[in-house]
Amino acid sequence: MNNAAREAILGSIRSNLSRSVPDETNPVHLENPVILSKKVSSATLVDLFKSNLESVNGHCIIADSEPGVARALTTIISNLQTTNLRAQRIALSDTPSMERIMYMTDLDIEELTITPSATEIFSFDVGISSAQAAIAETGTLVLDSTYERHRLVSLVPPVHIAIVDASRIVETLGEALALLRKDNEISPAVTFITGPSRTADIELTLAIGVHGPQELYVIINGSR
């Protein structure tokens, strides 16, 4: 999309927002259209995110420290190793904390690789990454690829395990986008993940894991 088309679309959005009935409790700043919501506690956001993630068949574990995250990883992967998902070949994103936490686990695996190539990634059982934000009202992870190489790791292996700091859980989409905004711009490579991959394209029959991971685990770090 060229700049002229982009500005035309944004101009139309601003114009329609300006004609909306003002809501004094949720002011809209037209030059930076983020709807503000009432502040809620971090613990409440964690609980809301966990509830909404689990409602779409995701799994959520709350840890209080990096060692706690490592213990949660050990439990998740050990349990997966008893299933047909294997969990023997692990792909990591390239943020240093992922490798550090992984080496704190007590696991017996065949291979651990940081950001495998596009041709290699399809042979991995589990992808582990962090998330740059999470949206409590929908149980959605927000991954920004300008901060971390995690798109293939999070989208291709049958299992995706994401680690997110409790401080990065916000209530709404608008707040998440505001959190990611840098120099008044948002990265063009942002991935939103709500539960395992699913589709009902064929005869409206729900199928899990057709276009991406069939299992999603989220470990929340430092929530209490």
C-alpha atoms as a PDB file:
ATOM      1  CA  MET A   1       0.000   0.000   0.000  1.00  0.00           C
ATOM      2  CA  ASN A   2       1.464   3.377  -0.982  1.00  0.00           C
ATOM      3  CA  ASN A   3       1.519   6.413   1.299  1.00  0.00           C
ATOM      4  CA  ALA A   4      -1.317   8.180  -0.489  1.00  0.00           C
ATOM      5  CA  ALA A   5      -3.664   5.208  -0.118  1.00  0.00           C
ATOM      6  CA  ARG A   6      -2.673   4.768   3.516  1.00  0.00           C
ATOM      7  CA  GLU A   7      -3.351   8.425   4.311  1.00  0.00           C
ATOM      8  CA  ALA A   8      -6.706   8.248   2.502  1.00  0.00           C
ATOM      9  CA  ILE A   9      -7.794   5.301   4.655  1.00  0.00           C
ATOM     10  CA  LEU A  10      -6.599   6.920   7.878  1.00  0.00           C
ATOM     11  CA  GLY A  11      -8.311  10.175   6.872  1.00  0.00           C
ATOM     12  CA  SER A  12     -11.601   8.356   6.375  1.00  0.00           C
ATOM     13  CA  ILE A  13     -11.284   6.721   9.800  1.00  0.00           C
ATOM     14  CA  ARG A  14     -10.562  10.079  11.468  1.00  0.00           C
ATOM     15  CA  SER A  15     -13.498  11.686   9.677  1.00  0.00           C
ATOM     16  CA  ASN A  16     -15.930   9.018  10.852  1.00  0.00           C
ATOM     17  CA  LEU A  17     -14.572   9.127  14.389  1.00  0.00           C
ATOM     18  CA  SER A  18     -15.090  12.886  14.479  1.00  0.00           C
ATOM     19  CA  ARG A  19     -18.782  12.409  13.638  1.00  0.00           C
ATOM     20  CA  SER A  20     -19.302   9.902  16.447  1.00  0.00           C
ATOM     21  CA  VAL A  21     -21.145  10.888  19.611  1.00  0.00           C
ATOM     22  CA  PRO A  22     -18.516  11.855  22.219  1.00  0.00           C
ATOM     23  CA  ASP A  23     -18.161   9.605  25.236  1.00  0.00           C
ATOM     24  CA  GLU A  24     -16.693  11.592  28.089  1.00  0.00           C
ATOM     25  CA  THR A  25     -15.726   8.445  29.997  1.00  0.00           C
ATOM     26  CA  ASN A  26     -13.764   7.029  27.024  1.00  0.00           C
ATOM     27  CA  PRO A  27     -12.211   9.996  25.189  1.00  0.00           C
ATOM     28  CA  VAL A  28     -10.851   9.477  21.672  1.00  0.00           C
ATOM     29  CA  HIS A  29      -7.810  11.446  20.530  1.00  0.00           C
ATOM     30  CA  LEU A  30      -8.245  11.653  16.787  1.00  0.00           C
ATOM     31  CA  GLU A  31      -4.550  12.042  15.991  1.00  0.00           C
ATOM     32  CA  ASN A  32      -3.799   8.921  18.037  1.00  0.00           C
ATOM     33  CA  PRO A  33      -7.093   6.981  18.175  1.00  0.00           C
ATOM     34  CA  VAL A  34      -6.764   4.766  21.241  1.00  0.00           C
ATOM     35  CA  ILE A  35      -9.870   4.307  23.376  1.00  0.00           C
ATOM     36  CA  LEU A  36      -9.004   4.611  27.043  1.00  0.00           C
ATOM     37  CA  SER A  37     -10.559   2.249  29.564  1.00  0.00           C
ATOM     38  CA  LYS A  38     -10.804   2.268  33.325  1.00  0.00           C
ATOM     39  CA  LYS A  39      -7.680   1.002  35.030  1.00  0.00           C
ATOM     40  CA  VAL A  40      -7.848  -2.513  36.390  1.00  0.00           C
ATOM     41  CA  SER A  41      -5.282  -4.305  38.509  1.00  0.00           C
ATOM     42  CA  SER A  42      -2.563  -6.494  37.036  1.00  0.00           C
ATOM     43  CA  ALA A  43      -3.909  -9.525  38.904  1.00  0.00           C
ATOM     44  CA  THR A  44      -7.373  -8.964  37.431  1.00  0.00           C
ATOM     45  CA  LEU A  45      -5.939  -8.703  33.917  1.00  0.00           C
ATOM     46  CA  VAL A  46      -3.985 -11.934  34.415  1.00  0.00           C
ATOM     47  CA  ASP A  47      -7.088 -13.776  35.580  1.00  0.00           C
ATOM     48  CA  LEU A  48      -9.194 -12.365  32.723  1.00  0.00           C
ATOM     49  CA  PHE A  49      -6.570 -13.281  30.134  1.00  0.00           C
ATOM     50  CA  LYS A  50      -6.265 -16.819  31.536  1.00  0.00           C
ATOM     51  CA  SER A  51     -10.033 -17.322  31.531  1.00  0.00           C
ATOM     52  CA  ASN A  52     -10.482 -16.081  27.966  1.00  0.00           C
ATOM     53  CA  LEU A  53      -7.502 -18.048  26.640  1.00  0.00           C
ATOM     54  CA  GLU A  54      -8.799 -21.262  28.183  1.00  0.00           C
ATOM     55  CA  SER A  55     -12.260 -20.587  26.713  1.00  0.00           C
ATOM     56  CA  VAL A  56     -10.728 -20.993  23.226  1.00  0.00           C
ATOM     57  CA  ASN A  57      -8.855 -24.199  24.141  1.00  0.00           C
ATOM     58  CA  GLY A  58      -5.552 -22.606  25.066  1.00  0.00           C
ATOM     59  CA  HIS A  59      -3.614 -23.577  28.187  1.00  0.00           C
ATOM     60  CA  CYS A  60      -2.304 -21.055  30.717  1.00  0.00           C
ATOM     61  CA  ILE A  61       0.170 -21.482  33.571  1.00  0.00           C
ATOM     62  CA  ILE A  62       1.026 -18.697  36.005  1.00  0.00           C
ATOM     63  CA  ALA A  63       4.614 -18.526  37.312  1.00  0.00           C
ATOM     64  CA  ASP A  64       6.227 -16.074  39.723  1.00  0.00           C
ATOM     65  CA  SER A  65       9.811 -16.013  38.416  1.00  0.00           C
ATOM     66  CA  GLU A  66      12.115 -17.266  35.663  1.00  0.00           C
ATOM     67  CA  PRO A  67      12.823 -20.486  37.607  1.00  0.00           C
ATOM     68  CA  GLY A  68       9.066 -20.906  37.874  1.00  0.00           C
ATOM     69  CA  VAL A  69       8.755 -20.449  34.118  1.00  0.00           C
ATOM     70  CA  ALA A  70      11.463 -23.105  33.626  1.00  0.00           C
ATOM     71  CA  ARG A  71       9.583 -25.517  35.870  1.00  0.00           C
ATOM     72  CA  ALA A  72       6.386 -24.886  33.906  1.00  0.00           C
ATOM     73  CA  LEU A  73       8.240 -25.550  30.649  1.00  0.00           C
ATOM     74  CA  THR A  74       9.610 -28.797  32.069  1.00  0.00           C
ATOM     75  CA  THR A  75       6.114 -29.936  33.026  1.00  0.00           C
ATOM     76  CA  ILE A  76       4.528 -28.988  29.691  1.00  0.00           C
ATOM     77  CA  ILE A  77       7.197 -30.585  27.497  1.00  0.00           C
ATOM     78  CA  SER A  78       7.521 -33.707  29.676  1.00  0.00           C
ATOM     79  CA  ASN A  79       3.770 -34.263  29.412  1.00  0.00           C
ATOM     80  CA  LEU A  80       3.838 -33.695  25.647  1.00  0.00           C
ATOM     81  CA  GLN A  81       6.581 -36.301  25.297  1.00  0.00           C
ATOM     82  CA  THR A  82       4.093 -38.949  26.418  1.00  0.00           C
ATOM     83  CA  THR A  83       1.786 -38.084  23.483  1.00  0.00           C
ATOM     84  CA  ASN A  84       2.059 -38.378  19.714  1.00  0.00           C
ATOM     85  CA  LEU A  85       3.255 -34.754  19.629  1.00  0.00           C
ATOM     86  CA  ARG A  86       6.703 -36.033  20.749  1.00  0.00           C
ATOM     87  CA  ALA A  87       8.178 -32.695  21.890  1.00  0.00           C
ATOM     88  CA  GLN A  88      11.741 -33.887  21.149  1.00  0.00           C
ATOM     89  CA  ARG A  89      12.845 -31.201  18.674  1.00  0.00           C
ATOM     90  CA  ILE A  90      12.491 -27.708  20.108  1.00  0.00           C
ATOM     91  CA  ALA A  91      12.750 -24.438  18.161  1.00  0.00           C
ATOM     92  CA  LEU A  92      13.408 -21.196  20.062  1.00  0.00           C
ATOM     93  CA  SER A  93      12.984 -17.582  19.057  1.00  0.00           C
ATOM     94  CA  ASP A  94      16.123 -15.469  19.185  1.00  0.00           C
ATOM     95  CA  THR A  95      15.557 -13.430  22.325  1.00  0.00           C
ATOM     96  CA  PRO A  96      18.292 -14.276  24.891  1.00  0.00           C
ATOM     97  CA  SER A  97      15.810 -14.969  27.692  1.00  0.00           C
ATOM     98  CA  MET A  98      14.345 -17.935  25.793  1.00  0.00           C
ATOM     99  CA  GLU A  99      17.681 -19.758  25.649  1.00  0.00           C
ATOM    100  CA  ARG A 100      18.468 -18.870  29.264  1.00  0.00           C
ATOM    101  CA  ILE A 101      15.140 -20.226  30.536  1.00  0.00           C
ATOM    102  CA  MET A 102      15.362 -23.339  28.376  1.00  0.00           C
ATOM    103  CA  TYR A 103      18.730 -24.236  29.878  1.00  0.00           C
ATOM    104  CA  MET A 104      17.190 -23.934  33.352  1.00  0.00           C
ATOM    105  CA  THR A 105      14.832 -26.821  32.577  1.00  0.00           C
ATOM    106  CA  ASP A 106      15.423 -30.484  33.347  1.00  0.00           C
ATOM    107  CA  LEU A 107      14.529 -32.039  30.000  1.00  0.00           C
ATOM    108  CA  ASP A 108      15.783 -34.861  27.813  1.00  0.00           C
ATOM    109  CA  ILE A 109      15.326 -33.768  24.185  1.00  0.00           C
ATOM    110  CA  GLU A 110      16.875 -34.597  20.832  1.00  0.00           C
ATOM    111  CA  GLU A 111      17.520 -31.088  19.494  1.00  0.00           C
ATOM    112  CA  LEU A 112      17.348 -27.438  20.522  1.00  0.00           C
ATOM    113  CA  THR A 113      17.738 -24.834  17.752  1.00  0.00           C
ATOM    114  CA  ILE A 114      17.380 -21.062  17.706  1.00  0.00           C
ATOM    115  CA  THR A 115      15.241 -19.737  14.820  1.00  0.00           C
ATOM    116  CA  PRO A 116      15.521 -22.650  12.355  1.00  0.00           C
ATOM    117  CA  SER A 117      15.279 -21.740   8.675  1.00  0.00           C
ATOM    118  CA  ALA A 118      12.024 -21.838   6.713  1.00  0.00           C
ATOM    119  CA  THR A 119      12.934 -25.248   5.295  1.00  0.00           C
ATOM    120  CA  GLU A 120      14.010 -26.719   8.647  1.00  0.00           C
ATOM    121  CA  ILE A 121      11.193 -25.434  10.857  1.00  0.00           C
ATOM    122  CA  PHE A 122       8.663 -28.005   9.600  1.00  0.00           C
ATOM    123  CA  SER A 123      10.582 -30.840  11.280  1.00  0.00           C
ATOM    124  CA  PHE A 124      10.304 -29.329  14.776  1.00  0.00           C
ATOM    125  CA  ASP A 125       7.745 -30.455  17.349  1.00  0.00           C
ATOM    126  CA  VAL A 126       7.560 -27.383  19.587  1.00  0.00           C
ATOM    127  CA  GLY A 127       8.187 -23.675  19.094  1.00  0.00           C
ATOM    128  CA  ILE A 128       8.933 -21.481  22.118  1.00  0.00           C
ATOM    129  CA  SER A 129       8.832 -17.693  22.017  1.00  0.00           C
ATOM    130  CA  SER A 130       7.972 -14.704  24.126  1.00  0.00           C
ATOM    131  CA  ALA A 131       5.103 -12.324  23.396  1.00  0.00           C
ATOM    132  CA  GLN A 132       5.387  -8.552  23.349  1.00  0.00           C
ATOM    133  CA  ALA A 133       1.854  -8.047  24.710  1.00  0.00           C
ATOM    134  CA  ALA A 134      -1.359  -9.880  25.554  1.00  0.00           C
ATOM    135  CA  ILE A 135      -4.983  -8.742  25.420  1.00  0.00           C
ATOM    136  CA  ALA A 136      -7.023  -9.798  28.441  1.00  0.00           C
ATOM    137  CA  GLU A 137     -10.526  -9.269  27.031  1.00  0.00           C
ATOM    138  CA  THR A 138      -9.952 -11.801  24.218  1.00  0.00           C
ATOM    139  CA  GLY A 139      -7.124 -14.014  25.519  1.00  0.00           C
ATOM    140  CA  THR A 140      -4.968 -12.890  22.590  1.00  0.00           C
ATOM    141  CA  LEU A 141      -1.172 -12.894  22.286  1.00  0.00           C
ATOM    142  CA  VAL A 142       0.504 -10.070  20.374  1.00  0.00           C
ATOM    143  CA  LEU A 143       3.875 -10.837  18.746  1.00  0.00           C
ATOM    144  CA  ASP A 144       5.899  -8.031  17.193  1.00  0.00           C
ATOM    145  CA  SER A 145       8.627  -9.296  14.867  1.00  0.00           C
ATOM    146  CA  THR A 146      10.646  -6.089  15.106  1.00  0.00           C
ATOM    147  CA  TYR A 147      11.588  -7.155  18.642  1.00  0.00           C
ATOM    148  CA  GLU A 148      12.101 -10.870  18.124  1.00  0.00           C
ATOM    149  CA  ARG A 149      12.348 -13.431  15.324  1.00  0.00           C
ATOM    150  CA  HIS A 150       9.414 -15.626  16.257  1.00  0.00           C
ATOM    151  CA  ARG A 151       6.954 -15.761  13.354  1.00  0.00           C
ATOM    152  CA  LEU A 152       7.988 -19.212  12.047  1.00  0.00           C
ATOM    153  CA  VAL A 153       8.627 -20.536  15.559  1.00  0.00           C
ATOM    154  CA  SER A 154       5.131 -19.504  16.677  1.00  0.00           C
ATOM    155  CA  LEU A 155       3.181 -20.495  13.559  1.00  0.00           C
ATOM    156  CA  VAL A 156       4.648 -23.724  12.141  1.00  0.00           C
ATOM    157  CA  PRO A 157       5.381 -26.397  14.816  1.00  0.00           C
ATOM    158  CA  PRO A 158       2.383 -28.381  16.131  1.00  0.00           C
ATOM    159  CA  VAL A 159       2.852 -26.861  19.593  1.00  0.00           C
ATOM    160  CA  HIS A 160       3.534 -23.212  20.431  1.00  0.00           C
ATOM    161  CA  ILE A 161       4.594 -22.228  23.947  1.00  0.00           C
ATOM    162  CA  ALA A 162       4.614 -18.474  24.600  1.00  0.00           C
ATOM    163  CA  ILE A 163       6.027 -16.674  27.616  1.00  0.00           C
ATOM    164  CA  VAL A 164       4.632 -13.240  28.475  1.00  0.00           C
ATOM    165  CA  ASP A 165       5.348 -10.899  31.377  1.00  0.00           C
ATOM    166  CA  ALA A 166       2.307 -10.007  33.474  1.00  0.00           C
ATOM    167  CA  SER A 167       3.200  -6.334  33.054  1.00  0.00           C
ATOM    168  CA  ARG A 168       2.602  -6.680  29.296  1.00  0.00           C
ATOM    169  CA  ILE A 169      -0.994  -7.860  29.692  1.00  0.00           C
ATOM    170  CA  VAL A 170      -3.443  -5.069  28.885  1.00  0.00           C
ATOM    171  CA  GLU A 171      -7.204  -4.985  28.736  1.00  0.00           C
ATOM    172  CA  THR A 172      -7.967  -4.037  25.127  1.00  0.00           C
ATOM    173  CA  LEU A 173      -6.621  -4.144  21.575  1.00  0.00           C
ATOM    174  CA  GLY A 174      -6.206  -0.374  21.587  1.00  0.00           C
ATOM    175  CA  GLU A 175      -4.015  -0.526  24.671  1.00  0.00           C
ATOM    176  CA  ALA A 176      -1.920  -3.310  23.138  1.00  0.00           C
ATOM    177  CA  LEU A 177      -1.299  -1.283  19.981  1.00  0.00           C
ATOM    178  CA  ALA A 178      -0.399   1.757  22.084  1.00  0.00           C
ATOM    179  CA  LEU A 179       2.071  -0.398  24.017  1.00  0.00           C
ATOM    180  CA  LEU A 180       3.765  -1.500  20.778  1.00  0.00           C
ATOM    181  CA  ARG A 181       3.805   1.937  19.149  1.00  0.00           C
ATOM    182  CA  LYS A 182       7.316   3.288  18.643  1.00  0.00           C
ATOM    183  CA  ASP A 183       8.021   6.753  17.232  1.00  0.00           C
ATOM    184  CA  ASN A 184       4.286   7.037  16.531  1.00  0.00           C
ATOM    185  CA  GLU A 185       4.434   3.988  14.220  1.00  0.00           C
ATOM    186  CA  ILE A 186       3.401   0.355  14.611  1.00  0.00           C
ATOM    187  CA  SER A 187       5.408  -2.461  13.039  1.00  0.00           C
ATOM    188  CA  PRO A 188       3.905  -3.968   9.857  1.00  0.00           C
ATOM    189  CA  ALA A 189       4.838  -7.445  11.186  1.00  0.00           C
ATOM    190  CA  VAL A 190       2.512  -7.956  14.162  1.00  0.00           C
ATOM    191  CA  THR A 191       0.916 -11.377  14.757  1.00  0.00           C
ATOM    192  CA  PHE A 192      -2.257 -11.852  16.821  1.00  0.00           C
ATOM    193  CA  ILE A 193      -2.796 -15.349  18.248  1.00  0.00           C
ATOM    194  CA  THR A 194      -6.001 -16.379  19.998  1.00  0.00           C
ATOM    195  CA  GLY A 195      -5.874 -20.043  20.961  1.00  0.00           C
ATOM    196  CA  PRO A 196      -4.759 -22.949  18.733  1.00  0.00           C
ATOM    197  CA  SER A 197      -5.127 -22.670  14.962  1.00  0.00           C
ATOM    198  CA  ARG A 198      -8.670 -23.496  13.872  1.00  0.00           C
ATOM    199  CA  THR A 199     -10.842 -23.445  10.773  1.00  0.00           C
ATOM    200  CA  ALA A 200     -14.376 -24.415   9.784  1.00  0.00           C
ATOM    201  CA  ASP A 201     -13.977 -23.877   6.042  1.00  0.00           C
ATOM    202  CA  ILE A 202     -15.179 -27.354   5.060  1.00  0.00           C
ATOM    203  CA  GLU A 203     -18.886 -27.921   5.752  1.00  0.00           C
ATOM    204  CA  LEU A 204     -18.608 -25.716   8.874  1.00  0.00           C
ATOM    205  CA  THR A 205     -16.848 -28.551  10.715  1.00  0.00           C
ATOM    206  CA  LEU A 206     -14.345 -27.179  13.221  1.00  0.00           C
ATOM    207  CA  ALA A 207     -10.810 -28.512  12.753  1.00  0.00           C
ATOM    208  CA  ILE A 208      -7.897 -27.669  15.052  1.00  0.00           C
ATOM    209  CA  GLY A 209      -4.291 -27.270  13.908  1.00  0.00           C
ATOM    210  CA  VAL A 210      -4.883 -27.192  10.146  1.00  0.00           C
ATOM    211  CA  HIS A 211      -3.097 -23.906   9.421  1.00  0.00           C
ATOM    212  CA  GLY A 212      -0.840 -23.714  12.470  1.00  0.00           C
ATOM    213  CA  PRO A 213      -0.241 -25.098  15.980  1.00  0.00           C
ATOM    214  CA  GLN A 214      -2.837 -27.485  17.359  1.00  0.00           C
ATOM    215  CA  GLU A 215      -1.785 -26.730  20.924  1.00  0.00           C
ATOM    216  CA  LEU A 216      -1.057 -23.354  22.512  1.00  0.00           C
ATOM    217  CA  TYR A 217       0.443 -22.942  25.963  1.00  0.00           C
ATOM    218  CA  VAL A 218       1.025 -19.561  27.602  1.00  0.00           C
ATOM    219  CA  ILE A 219       3.221 -19.126  30.654  1.00  0.00           C
ATOM    220  CA  ILE A 220       2.701 -15.820  32.470  1.00  0.00           C
ATOM    221  CA  ASN A 221       5.791 -14.609  34.308  1.00  0.00           C
ATOM    222  CA  GLY A 222       5.669 -12.518  37.466  1.00  0.00           C
ATOM    223  CA  SER A 223       1.921 -12.174  37.843  1.00  0.00           C
ATOM    224  CA  ARG A 224       1.676 -11.909  41.583  1.00  0.00           C
END
